[in-house]
Amino acid sequence: MSRAVTAPNRAKEYETIYILRPDIDAESADKLGTRLADVVGREKGRLTKVELWGRRRLAFDIAKHRRGVYVYLKYLGSGRVVDEIERNLRLADGVLKYQTVLVRGDVEVETLQITDEDVKFERVELPPIEDERDESRERQLGLVEMDRRVERPEAPPVGAEEEGGEPGADGAAEGAAPAADEEEEG
């Protein structure tokens, strides 16, 4: 019975990172952010932090996209909050991927200091997508020349002699008679 009284004061802390399409417009991203904030409130959860990480390069292509807009959410609640957030992310057209992680299992809700600035969804104002030419950090800094190609010397064909007339690996030159012929002459 005492557990039921203390349960509303305690919650689990989760982090969700979701990746939006790189060409998403600000209005669609705002709608999704508002919907996720409503879901957390409706399921008796509490947002603690929201961060827009911006457009970044993906580790691998997702749905033929090389870049994505990363958004980070941190919130308190139960498993029902996570289920509902992930359901909304799955249904959203602009979401490429998402992942939720349990950070802590037992958090006192009253002890957290949360400011309105921390839980405000930022407006996604991104510059237009440049051409997909990704340069390495070395090229950006000018440490590597772009048009310079490394020319490798061609390897001689297998079994061919080098220019000094040295014998092959078996000790005999190509086309030479076996050692037994040399003994007959003597």
N, C-alpha and C. Protein backbone atom coordinates (compact mmCIF):
# COMPACT_ATOMS: atom_id res chain seq x y z
N MET A 1 0.81 -1.18 0.00
CA MET A 1 0.00 0.00 0.00
C MET A 1 0.86 1.25 0.00
N SER A 2 1.97 1.23 0.74
CA SER A 2 2.84 2.41 0.76
C SER A 2 3.52 2.62 -0.59
N ARG A 3 3.69 1.56 -1.32
CA ARG A 3 4.31 1.69 -2.63
C ARG A 3 3.42 2.47 -3.59
N ALA A 4 2.15 2.29 -3.52
CA ALA A 4 1.21 3.02 -4.38
C ALA A 4 1.24 4.51 -4.08
N VAL A 5 1.51 4.88 -2.85
CA VAL A 5 1.56 6.29 -2.48
C VAL A 5 2.83 6.94 -3.01
N THR A 6 3.97 6.23 -2.99
CA THR A 6 5.23 6.81 -3.42
C THR A 6 5.45 6.69 -4.93
N ALA A 7 4.69 5.86 -5.63
CA ALA A 7 4.90 5.64 -7.05
C ALA A 7 4.77 6.92 -7.89
N PRO A 8 3.80 7.81 -7.65
CA PRO A 8 3.71 9.01 -8.48
C PRO A 8 4.91 9.94 -8.33
N ASN A 9 5.66 9.83 -7.24
CA ASN A 9 6.82 10.69 -7.03
C ASN A 9 8.07 10.16 -7.73
N ARG A 10 8.00 8.95 -8.17
CA ARG A 10 9.15 8.33 -8.81
C ARG A 10 8.82 7.98 -10.25
N ALA A 11 9.84 8.02 -11.10
CA ALA A 11 9.65 7.68 -12.52
C ALA A 11 10.97 7.17 -13.08
N LYS A 12 10.92 6.68 -14.29
CA LYS A 12 12.12 6.25 -15.01
C LYS A 12 12.52 7.37 -15.96
N GLU A 13 13.84 7.50 -16.16
CA GLU A 13 14.35 8.53 -17.05
C GLU A 13 14.81 7.89 -18.36
N TYR A 14 14.33 8.45 -19.49
CA TYR A 14 14.64 7.93 -20.81
C TYR A 14 15.25 9.01 -21.68
N GLU A 15 16.03 8.56 -22.66
CA GLU A 15 16.54 9.43 -23.72
C GLU A 15 16.10 8.85 -25.06
N THR A 16 15.63 9.71 -25.92
CA THR A 16 15.28 9.30 -27.28
C THR A 16 15.99 10.24 -28.24
N ILE A 17 16.67 9.66 -29.20
CA ILE A 17 17.27 10.44 -30.29
C ILE A 17 16.57 10.01 -31.55
N TYR A 18 16.07 10.98 -32.29
CA TYR A 18 15.46 10.64 -33.57
C TYR A 18 16.10 11.47 -34.67
N ILE A 19 16.11 10.89 -35.86
CA ILE A 19 16.76 11.52 -37.02
C ILE A 19 15.69 11.84 -38.05
N LEU A 20 15.62 13.11 -38.41
CA LEU A 20 14.67 13.57 -39.41
C LEU A 20 15.33 13.60 -40.78
N ARG A 21 14.54 13.58 -41.82
CA ARG A 21 15.06 13.71 -43.18
C ARG A 21 15.83 15.02 -43.30
N PRO A 22 16.89 15.06 -44.07
CA PRO A 22 17.70 16.29 -44.15
C PRO A 22 16.99 17.44 -44.85
N ASP A 23 15.98 17.15 -45.64
CA ASP A 23 15.27 18.20 -46.37
C ASP A 23 13.93 18.57 -45.73
N ILE A 24 13.76 18.24 -44.45
CA ILE A 24 12.50 18.50 -43.77
C ILE A 24 12.30 20.00 -43.59
N ASP A 25 11.05 20.44 -43.74
CA ASP A 25 10.77 21.87 -43.55
C ASP A 25 10.51 22.13 -42.07
N ALA A 26 10.66 23.37 -41.67
CA ALA A 26 10.55 23.76 -40.27
C ALA A 26 9.15 23.47 -39.72
N GLU A 27 8.14 23.66 -40.54
CA GLU A 27 6.76 23.45 -40.07
C GLU A 27 6.51 21.99 -39.70
N SER A 28 6.98 21.06 -40.51
CA SER A 28 6.80 19.64 -40.22
C SER A 28 7.55 19.23 -38.95
N ALA A 29 8.74 19.74 -38.79
CA ALA A 29 9.53 19.42 -37.60
C ALA A 29 8.87 19.99 -36.34
N ASP A 30 8.29 21.20 -36.46
CA ASP A 30 7.59 21.80 -35.32
C ASP A 30 6.35 20.99 -34.94
N LYS A 31 5.61 20.53 -35.95
CA LYS A 31 4.42 19.72 -35.68
C LYS A 31 4.78 18.44 -34.93
N LEU A 32 5.86 17.80 -35.37
CA LEU A 32 6.29 16.57 -34.72
C LEU A 32 6.73 16.85 -33.29
N GLY A 33 7.47 17.93 -33.07
CA GLY A 33 7.91 18.28 -31.72
C GLY A 33 6.73 18.56 -30.81
N THR A 34 5.74 19.28 -31.30
CA THR A 34 4.54 19.58 -30.52
C THR A 34 3.78 18.30 -30.19
N ARG A 35 3.68 17.41 -31.18
CA ARG A 35 2.97 16.15 -30.95
C ARG A 35 3.68 15.32 -29.89
N LEU A 36 5.03 15.27 -29.93
CA LEU A 36 5.77 14.48 -28.93
C LEU A 36 5.63 15.08 -27.54
N ALA A 37 5.65 16.42 -27.44
CA ALA A 37 5.47 17.07 -26.13
C ALA A 37 4.07 16.77 -25.58
N ASP A 38 3.05 16.76 -26.45
CA ASP A 38 1.69 16.44 -26.02
C ASP A 38 1.59 14.99 -25.55
N VAL A 39 2.28 14.09 -26.25
CA VAL A 39 2.26 12.67 -25.87
C VAL A 39 2.85 12.49 -24.48
N VAL A 40 3.96 13.13 -24.21
CA VAL A 40 4.60 13.00 -22.90
C VAL A 40 3.67 13.53 -21.81
N GLY A 41 3.03 14.67 -22.04
CA GLY A 41 2.10 15.22 -21.06
C GLY A 41 0.86 14.35 -20.88
N ARG A 42 0.32 13.84 -21.96
CA ARG A 42 -0.89 13.02 -21.91
C ARG A 42 -0.67 11.72 -21.16
N GLU A 43 0.52 11.14 -21.30
CA GLU A 43 0.85 9.87 -20.64
C GLU A 43 1.45 10.08 -19.25
N LYS A 44 1.28 11.28 -18.70
CA LYS A 44 1.75 11.63 -17.35
C LYS A 44 3.26 11.52 -17.21
N GLY A 45 3.97 11.91 -18.29
CA GLY A 45 5.42 11.98 -18.25
C GLY A 45 5.84 13.43 -18.12
N ARG A 46 7.13 13.67 -18.19
CA ARG A 46 7.63 15.03 -18.05
C ARG A 46 8.91 15.19 -18.86
N LEU A 47 8.90 16.13 -19.80
CA LEU A 47 10.11 16.44 -20.57
C LEU A 47 11.11 17.13 -19.67
N THR A 48 12.37 16.73 -19.77
CA THR A 48 13.41 17.38 -18.98
C THR A 48 14.44 18.10 -19.84
N LYS A 49 14.60 17.67 -21.10
CA LYS A 49 15.57 18.34 -21.96
C LYS A 49 15.24 18.04 -23.43
N VAL A 50 15.36 19.07 -24.26
CA VAL A 50 15.18 18.93 -25.70
C VAL A 50 16.32 19.69 -26.37
N GLU A 51 17.02 19.03 -27.29
CA GLU A 51 18.13 19.67 -28.00
C GLU A 51 18.03 19.36 -29.49
N LEU A 52 18.26 20.36 -30.29
CA LEU A 52 18.37 20.18 -31.74
C LEU A 52 19.85 20.14 -32.06
N TRP A 53 20.33 19.02 -32.55
CA TRP A 53 21.75 18.86 -32.85
C TRP A 53 22.09 19.26 -34.26
N GLY A 54 21.10 19.48 -35.10
CA GLY A 54 21.34 19.96 -36.45
C GLY A 54 21.56 18.84 -37.45
N ARG A 55 21.91 19.26 -38.66
CA ARG A 55 22.12 18.32 -39.76
C ARG A 55 23.54 17.76 -39.65
N ARG A 56 23.61 16.44 -39.65
CA ARG A 56 24.90 15.76 -39.53
C ARG A 56 24.98 14.61 -40.53
N ARG A 57 26.20 14.19 -40.77
CA ARG A 57 26.41 13.06 -41.67
C ARG A 57 26.07 11.78 -40.94
N LEU A 58 25.38 10.87 -41.62
CA LEU A 58 25.02 9.58 -41.05
C LEU A 58 26.18 8.61 -41.19
N ALA A 59 26.24 7.64 -40.31
CA ALA A 59 27.29 6.63 -40.38
C ALA A 59 27.12 5.76 -41.62
N PHE A 60 25.88 5.57 -42.05
CA PHE A 60 25.58 4.82 -43.27
C PHE A 60 24.31 5.41 -43.87
N ASP A 61 24.11 5.17 -45.15
CA ASP A 61 22.95 5.73 -45.83
C ASP A 61 21.67 5.10 -45.28
N ILE A 62 20.66 5.95 -45.04
CA ILE A 62 19.35 5.49 -44.59
C ILE A 62 18.35 6.02 -45.59
N ALA A 63 17.66 5.12 -46.25
CA ALA A 63 16.65 5.49 -47.26
C ALA A 63 17.25 6.46 -48.29
N LYS A 64 18.46 6.17 -48.72
CA LYS A 64 19.21 6.94 -49.72
C LYS A 64 19.58 8.35 -49.25
N HIS A 65 19.60 8.58 -47.95
CA HIS A 65 20.02 9.87 -47.40
C HIS A 65 21.37 9.70 -46.74
N ARG A 66 22.26 10.65 -46.99
CA ARG A 66 23.59 10.63 -46.37
C ARG A 66 23.65 11.48 -45.12
N ARG A 67 22.70 12.37 -44.96
CA ARG A 67 22.65 13.26 -43.81
C ARG A 67 21.28 13.18 -43.17
N GLY A 68 21.21 13.67 -41.93
CA GLY A 68 19.94 13.70 -41.21
C GLY A 68 19.98 14.79 -40.16
N VAL A 69 18.80 15.22 -39.72
CA VAL A 69 18.67 16.23 -38.67
C VAL A 69 18.43 15.49 -37.36
N TYR A 70 19.34 15.65 -36.42
CA TYR A 70 19.27 14.94 -35.15
C TYR A 70 18.55 15.77 -34.10
N VAL A 71 17.64 15.11 -33.34
CA VAL A 71 16.92 15.75 -32.24
C VAL A 71 17.03 14.83 -31.04
N TYR A 72 17.33 15.42 -29.88
CA TYR A 72 17.54 14.69 -28.64
C TYR A 72 16.45 15.05 -27.64
N LEU A 73 15.80 14.04 -27.06
CA LEU A 73 14.78 14.23 -26.02
C LEU A 73 15.19 13.48 -24.77
N LYS A 74 14.98 14.10 -23.63
CA LYS A 74 15.19 13.43 -22.35
C LYS A 74 13.92 13.66 -21.55
N TYR A 75 13.35 12.61 -20.97
CA TYR A 75 12.07 12.74 -20.31
C TYR A 75 11.92 11.70 -19.21
N LEU A 76 10.95 11.94 -18.33
CA LEU A 76 10.60 11.03 -17.26
C LEU A 76 9.25 10.42 -17.58
N GLY A 77 9.05 9.19 -17.14
CA GLY A 77 7.76 8.56 -17.35
C GLY A 77 7.86 7.06 -17.19
N SER A 78 6.85 6.39 -17.70
CA SER A 78 6.79 4.93 -17.63
C SER A 78 7.01 4.37 -19.02
N GLY A 79 6.89 3.06 -19.12
CA GLY A 79 7.03 2.41 -20.41
C GLY A 79 5.95 2.82 -21.40
N ARG A 80 4.79 3.23 -20.87
CA ARG A 80 3.70 3.67 -21.76
C ARG A 80 4.09 4.94 -22.51
N VAL A 81 4.85 5.82 -21.87
CA VAL A 81 5.31 7.04 -22.53
C VAL A 81 6.23 6.68 -23.69
N VAL A 82 7.14 5.77 -23.44
CA VAL A 82 8.09 5.34 -24.48
C VAL A 82 7.35 4.70 -25.64
N ASP A 83 6.41 3.82 -25.34
CA ASP A 83 5.64 3.16 -26.39
C ASP A 83 4.91 4.18 -27.27
N GLU A 84 4.31 5.16 -26.65
CA GLU A 84 3.54 6.15 -27.40
C GLU A 84 4.44 7.08 -28.21
N ILE A 85 5.59 7.46 -27.66
CA ILE A 85 6.54 8.29 -28.40
C ILE A 85 7.05 7.53 -29.62
N GLU A 86 7.44 6.29 -29.42
CA GLU A 86 7.96 5.49 -30.54
C GLU A 86 6.88 5.22 -31.58
N ARG A 87 5.64 5.06 -31.15
CA ARG A 87 4.55 4.87 -32.12
C ARG A 87 4.39 6.11 -32.98
N ASN A 88 4.44 7.29 -32.36
CA ASN A 88 4.32 8.54 -33.11
C ASN A 88 5.51 8.76 -34.04
N LEU A 89 6.70 8.39 -33.61
CA LEU A 89 7.88 8.51 -34.48
C LEU A 89 7.79 7.55 -35.66
N ARG A 90 7.27 6.36 -35.41
CA ARG A 90 7.14 5.37 -36.48
C ARG A 90 6.14 5.84 -37.54
N LEU A 91 5.10 6.55 -37.13
CA LEU A 91 4.06 7.00 -38.06
C LEU A 91 4.44 8.28 -38.80
N ALA A 92 5.41 9.02 -38.31
CA ALA A 92 5.79 10.29 -38.93
C ALA A 92 6.60 10.02 -40.20
N ASP A 93 6.23 10.72 -41.28
CA ASP A 93 6.91 10.53 -42.56
C ASP A 93 8.33 11.07 -42.56
N GLY A 94 8.59 12.10 -41.80
CA GLY A 94 9.89 12.75 -41.84
C GLY A 94 10.96 12.09 -41.00
N VAL A 95 10.62 11.05 -40.23
CA VAL A 95 11.58 10.41 -39.33
C VAL A 95 12.25 9.24 -40.05
N LEU A 96 13.59 9.26 -40.07
CA LEU A 96 14.35 8.17 -40.67
C LEU A 96 14.60 7.04 -39.66
N LYS A 97 15.09 7.40 -38.49
CA LYS A 97 15.42 6.42 -37.45
C LYS A 97 15.19 7.05 -36.09
N TYR A 98 15.06 6.20 -35.06
CA TYR A 98 14.97 6.66 -33.68
C TYR A 98 15.50 5.57 -32.77
N GLN A 99 15.90 5.98 -31.58
CA GLN A 99 16.36 5.02 -30.58
C GLN A 99 16.08 5.58 -29.20
N THR A 100 15.58 4.73 -28.31
CA THR A 100 15.28 5.12 -26.94
C THR A 100 16.12 4.29 -26.00
N VAL A 101 16.66 4.94 -24.97
CA VAL A 101 17.51 4.28 -23.99
C VAL A 101 17.02 4.64 -22.59
N LEU A 102 16.96 3.64 -21.71
CA LEU A 102 16.65 3.88 -20.31
C LEU A 102 17.92 4.37 -19.63
N VAL A 103 17.85 5.57 -19.05
CA VAL A 103 19.03 6.16 -18.41
C VAL A 103 19.10 5.74 -16.95
N ARG A 104 18.03 6.00 -16.21
CA ARG A 104 17.97 5.64 -14.79
C ARG A 104 16.60 5.04 -14.50
N GLY A 105 16.57 4.10 -13.58
CA GLY A 105 15.32 3.41 -13.29
C GLY A 105 14.50 4.01 -12.18
N ASP A 106 15.10 4.81 -11.31
CA ASP A 106 14.36 5.32 -10.16
C ASP A 106 14.76 6.77 -9.91
N VAL A 107 13.93 7.69 -10.36
CA VAL A 107 14.23 9.12 -10.23
C VAL A 107 13.11 9.78 -9.44
N GLU A 108 13.48 10.63 -8.49
CA GLU A 108 12.48 11.40 -7.77
C GLU A 108 12.12 12.62 -8.61
N VAL A 109 10.86 12.74 -8.97
CA VAL A 109 10.41 13.78 -9.88
C VAL A 109 10.54 15.16 -9.24
N GLU A 110 10.26 15.29 -7.96
CA GLU A 110 10.29 16.61 -7.30
C GLU A 110 11.69 17.19 -7.17
N THR A 111 12.72 16.36 -7.19
CA THR A 111 14.08 16.86 -7.00
C THR A 111 14.67 17.48 -8.25
N LEU A 112 14.06 17.27 -9.41
CA LEU A 112 14.62 17.78 -10.66
C LEU A 112 14.29 19.25 -10.85
N GLN A 113 15.29 20.02 -11.28
CA GLN A 113 15.12 21.43 -11.62
C GLN A 113 15.06 21.53 -13.14
N ILE A 114 13.90 21.87 -13.67
CA ILE A 114 13.72 21.95 -15.12
C ILE A 114 13.28 23.35 -15.48
N THR A 115 14.00 23.98 -16.41
CA THR A 115 13.61 25.31 -16.87
C THR A 115 12.82 25.19 -18.18
N ASP A 116 12.02 26.19 -18.47
CA ASP A 116 11.24 26.18 -19.71
C ASP A 116 12.14 26.19 -20.93
N GLU A 117 13.30 26.81 -20.81
CA GLU A 117 14.25 26.88 -21.92
C GLU A 117 14.77 25.49 -22.30
N ASP A 118 14.93 24.60 -21.31
CA ASP A 118 15.45 23.26 -21.56
C ASP A 118 14.47 22.38 -22.33
N VAL A 119 13.18 22.62 -22.17
CA VAL A 119 12.19 21.73 -22.78
C VAL A 119 11.50 22.37 -23.99
N LYS A 120 12.03 23.46 -24.48
CA LYS A 120 11.45 24.13 -25.64
C LYS A 120 12.05 23.54 -26.91
N PHE A 121 11.18 23.15 -27.83
CA PHE A 121 11.65 22.65 -29.12
C PHE A 121 12.13 23.82 -29.96
N GLU A 122 13.36 23.74 -30.44
CA GLU A 122 13.90 24.80 -31.29
C GLU A 122 13.34 24.66 -32.69
N ARG A 123 13.20 25.77 -33.36
CA ARG A 123 12.72 25.75 -34.74
C ARG A 123 13.86 25.28 -35.64
N VAL A 124 13.55 24.36 -36.51
CA VAL A 124 14.56 23.78 -37.41
C VAL A 124 14.75 24.76 -38.57
N GLU A 125 15.77 25.58 -38.47
CA GLU A 125 16.14 26.53 -39.53
C GLU A 125 17.50 26.12 -40.06
N LEU A 126 17.50 25.34 -41.12
CA LEU A 126 18.75 24.83 -41.67
C LEU A 126 19.01 25.43 -43.03
N PRO A 127 20.28 25.63 -43.36
CA PRO A 127 20.60 26.11 -44.71
C PRO A 127 20.23 25.04 -45.72
N PRO A 128 20.04 25.44 -46.98
CA PRO A 128 19.71 24.43 -48.00
C PRO A 128 20.82 23.40 -48.11
N ILE A 129 20.43 22.22 -48.53
CA ILE A 129 21.38 21.12 -48.64
C ILE A 129 22.34 21.41 -49.79
N GLU A 130 23.63 21.35 -49.48
CA GLU A 130 24.65 21.55 -50.49
C GLU A 130 24.79 20.26 -51.28
N ASP A 131 25.61 20.30 -52.32
CA ASP A 131 25.82 19.06 -53.05
C ASP A 131 26.44 18.04 -52.11
N GLU A 132 26.24 16.80 -52.40
CA GLU A 132 26.61 15.71 -51.50
C GLU A 132 28.10 15.41 -51.51
N ARG A 133 28.91 16.35 -51.84
CA ARG A 133 30.35 16.13 -51.90
C ARG A 133 30.92 16.25 -50.49
N ASP A 134 31.28 15.14 -49.93
CA ASP A 134 31.84 15.12 -48.58
C ASP A 134 33.36 15.08 -48.67
N GLU A 135 33.97 16.07 -48.09
CA GLU A 135 35.42 16.12 -48.10
C GLU A 135 35.94 15.71 -46.73
N SER A 136 37.09 15.09 -46.74
CA SER A 136 37.70 14.71 -45.48
C SER A 136 38.24 15.96 -44.80
N ARG A 137 38.50 15.84 -43.53
CA ARG A 137 39.02 16.96 -42.75
C ARG A 137 40.38 17.40 -43.30
N GLU A 138 41.19 16.46 -43.77
CA GLU A 138 42.50 16.79 -44.32
C GLU A 138 42.36 17.65 -45.57
N ARG A 139 41.40 17.32 -46.42
CA ARG A 139 41.18 18.11 -47.64
C ARG A 139 40.62 19.48 -47.31
N GLN A 140 39.74 19.57 -46.33
CA GLN A 140 39.18 20.86 -45.94
C GLN A 140 40.27 21.80 -45.43
N LEU A 141 41.24 21.24 -44.74
CA LEU A 141 42.33 22.05 -44.20
C LEU A 141 43.45 22.28 -45.20
N GLY A 142 43.38 21.64 -46.35
CA GLY A 142 44.39 21.83 -47.38
C GLY A 142 45.65 21.01 -47.17
N LEU A 143 45.56 19.95 -46.37
CA LEU A 143 46.73 19.13 -46.11
C LEU A 143 46.96 18.10 -47.21
N VAL A 144 45.93 17.80 -47.99
CA VAL A 144 46.03 16.83 -49.07
C VAL A 144 45.60 17.52 -50.35
N GLU A 145 46.41 17.35 -51.40
CA GLU A 145 46.03 17.94 -52.68
C GLU A 145 44.96 17.08 -53.31
N MET A 146 43.97 17.73 -53.93
CA MET A 146 42.82 17.00 -54.44
C MET A 146 43.10 16.27 -55.75
N ASP A 147 43.87 16.84 -56.67
CA ASP A 147 44.06 16.24 -57.99
C ASP A 147 45.30 15.36 -58.06
N ARG A 148 46.03 15.30 -57.02
CA ARG A 148 47.27 14.52 -57.02
C ARG A 148 46.94 13.05 -56.88
N ARG A 149 47.45 12.26 -57.81
CA ARG A 149 47.22 10.83 -57.78
C ARG A 149 48.55 10.14 -57.54
N VAL A 150 48.52 9.12 -56.76
CA VAL A 150 49.73 8.36 -56.47
C VAL A 150 49.93 7.34 -57.58
N GLU A 151 51.09 7.43 -58.24
CA GLU A 151 51.39 6.47 -59.30
C GLU A 151 52.25 5.37 -58.72
N ARG A 152 51.80 4.18 -58.91
CA ARG A 152 52.53 3.03 -58.39
C ARG A 152 53.27 2.38 -59.55
N PRO A 153 54.51 1.94 -59.31
CA PRO A 153 55.22 1.23 -60.39
C PRO A 153 54.52 -0.10 -60.67
N GLU A 154 54.51 -0.45 -61.94
CA GLU A 154 53.87 -1.70 -62.31
C GLU A 154 54.72 -2.87 -61.85
N ALA A 155 54.08 -3.87 -61.34
CA ALA A 155 54.78 -5.08 -60.91
C ALA A 155 55.10 -5.92 -62.13
N PRO A 156 56.29 -6.53 -62.17
CA PRO A 156 56.61 -7.38 -63.32
C PRO A 156 55.67 -8.58 -63.35
N PRO A 157 55.44 -9.12 -64.54
CA PRO A 157 54.57 -10.30 -64.65
C PRO A 157 55.14 -11.46 -63.85
N VAL A 158 54.29 -12.33 -63.42
CA VAL A 158 54.71 -13.46 -62.60
C VAL A 158 55.64 -14.36 -63.41
N GLY A 159 56.77 -14.71 -62.84
CA GLY A 159 57.73 -15.59 -63.50
C GLY A 159 58.74 -14.85 -64.36
N ALA A 160 58.59 -13.55 -64.55
CA ALA A 160 59.52 -12.79 -65.39
C ALA A 160 60.77 -12.47 -64.59
N GLU A 161 61.90 -12.36 -65.30
CA GLU A 161 63.16 -12.02 -64.65
C GLU A 161 63.25 -10.53 -64.45
N GLU A 162 63.98 -10.15 -63.42
CA GLU A 162 64.26 -8.74 -63.23
C GLU A 162 65.41 -8.36 -64.15
N GLU A 163 65.70 -7.08 -64.28
CA GLU A 163 66.67 -6.61 -65.26
C GLU A 163 68.10 -7.06 -65.00
N GLY A 164 68.47 -7.56 -63.93
CA GLY A 164 69.83 -7.98 -63.68
C GLY A 164 70.12 -9.38 -64.16
N GLY A 165 69.14 -10.10 -64.70
CA GLY A 165 69.33 -11.46 -65.16
C GLY A 165 69.41 -12.44 -64.00
N GLU A 166 68.89 -12.04 -62.85
CA GLU A 166 68.95 -12.91 -61.68
C GLU A 166 67.99 -14.07 -61.86
N PRO A 167 68.35 -15.21 -61.35
CA PRO A 167 67.47 -16.37 -61.50
C PRO A 167 66.19 -16.19 -60.69
N GLY A 168 65.21 -17.04 -61.02
CA GLY A 168 63.93 -17.00 -60.32
C GLY A 168 64.05 -17.61 -58.94
N ALA A 169 62.94 -17.90 -58.32
CA ALA A 169 62.90 -18.39 -56.95
C ALA A 169 63.47 -19.79 -56.81
N ASP A 170 63.42 -20.61 -57.90
CA ASP A 170 63.90 -21.98 -57.79
C ASP A 170 65.40 -22.09 -58.04
N GLY A 171 66.08 -21.00 -58.30
CA GLY A 171 67.53 -20.99 -58.47
C GLY A 171 67.97 -21.14 -59.91
N ALA A 172 67.09 -21.46 -60.83
CA ALA A 172 67.45 -21.63 -62.23
C ALA A 172 66.80 -20.52 -63.04
N ALA A 173 67.54 -20.03 -64.06
CA ALA A 173 66.98 -19.02 -64.95
C ALA A 173 65.99 -19.68 -65.86
N GLU A 174 65.08 -18.88 -66.38
CA GLU A 174 64.04 -19.41 -67.24
C GLU A 174 64.67 -19.95 -68.52
N GLY A 175 64.31 -21.12 -68.92
CA GLY A 175 64.83 -21.72 -70.14
C GLY A 175 66.19 -22.38 -69.95
N ALA A 176 66.77 -22.37 -68.78
CA ALA A 176 68.09 -22.99 -68.54
C ALA A 176 67.92 -24.49 -68.40
N ALA A 177 68.98 -25.19 -68.79
CA ALA A 177 68.95 -26.65 -68.69
C ALA A 177 69.10 -27.05 -67.24
N PRO A 178 68.63 -28.24 -66.90
CA PRO A 178 68.78 -28.69 -65.52
C PRO A 178 70.25 -28.87 -65.14
N ALA A 179 70.55 -28.92 -63.91
CA ALA A 179 71.92 -29.04 -63.38
C ALA A 179 72.58 -30.33 -63.83
N ALA A 180 71.85 -31.34 -64.12
CA ALA A 180 72.40 -32.62 -64.55
C ALA A 180 73.12 -32.46 -65.89
N ASP A 181 72.70 -31.60 -66.78
CA ASP A 181 73.34 -31.37 -68.06
C ASP A 181 74.75 -30.81 -67.87
N GLU A 182 74.95 -29.97 -66.89
CA GLU A 182 76.24 -29.36 -66.64
C GLU A 182 77.27 -30.41 -66.22
N GLU A 183 76.86 -31.44 -65.52
CA GLU A 183 77.79 -32.46 -65.06
C GLU A 183 78.26 -33.33 -66.22
N GLU A 184 77.47 -33.54 -67.24
CA GLU A 184 77.85 -34.38 -68.36
C GLU A 184 78.96 -33.78 -69.18
N GLU A 185 79.06 -32.43 -69.22
CA GLU A 185 80.08 -31.80 -70.02
C GLU A 185 81.47 -32.03 -69.45
N GLY A 186 81.61 -32.12 -68.21
CA GLY A 186 82.88 -32.14 -67.54
C GLY A 186 83.62 -33.36 -67.55
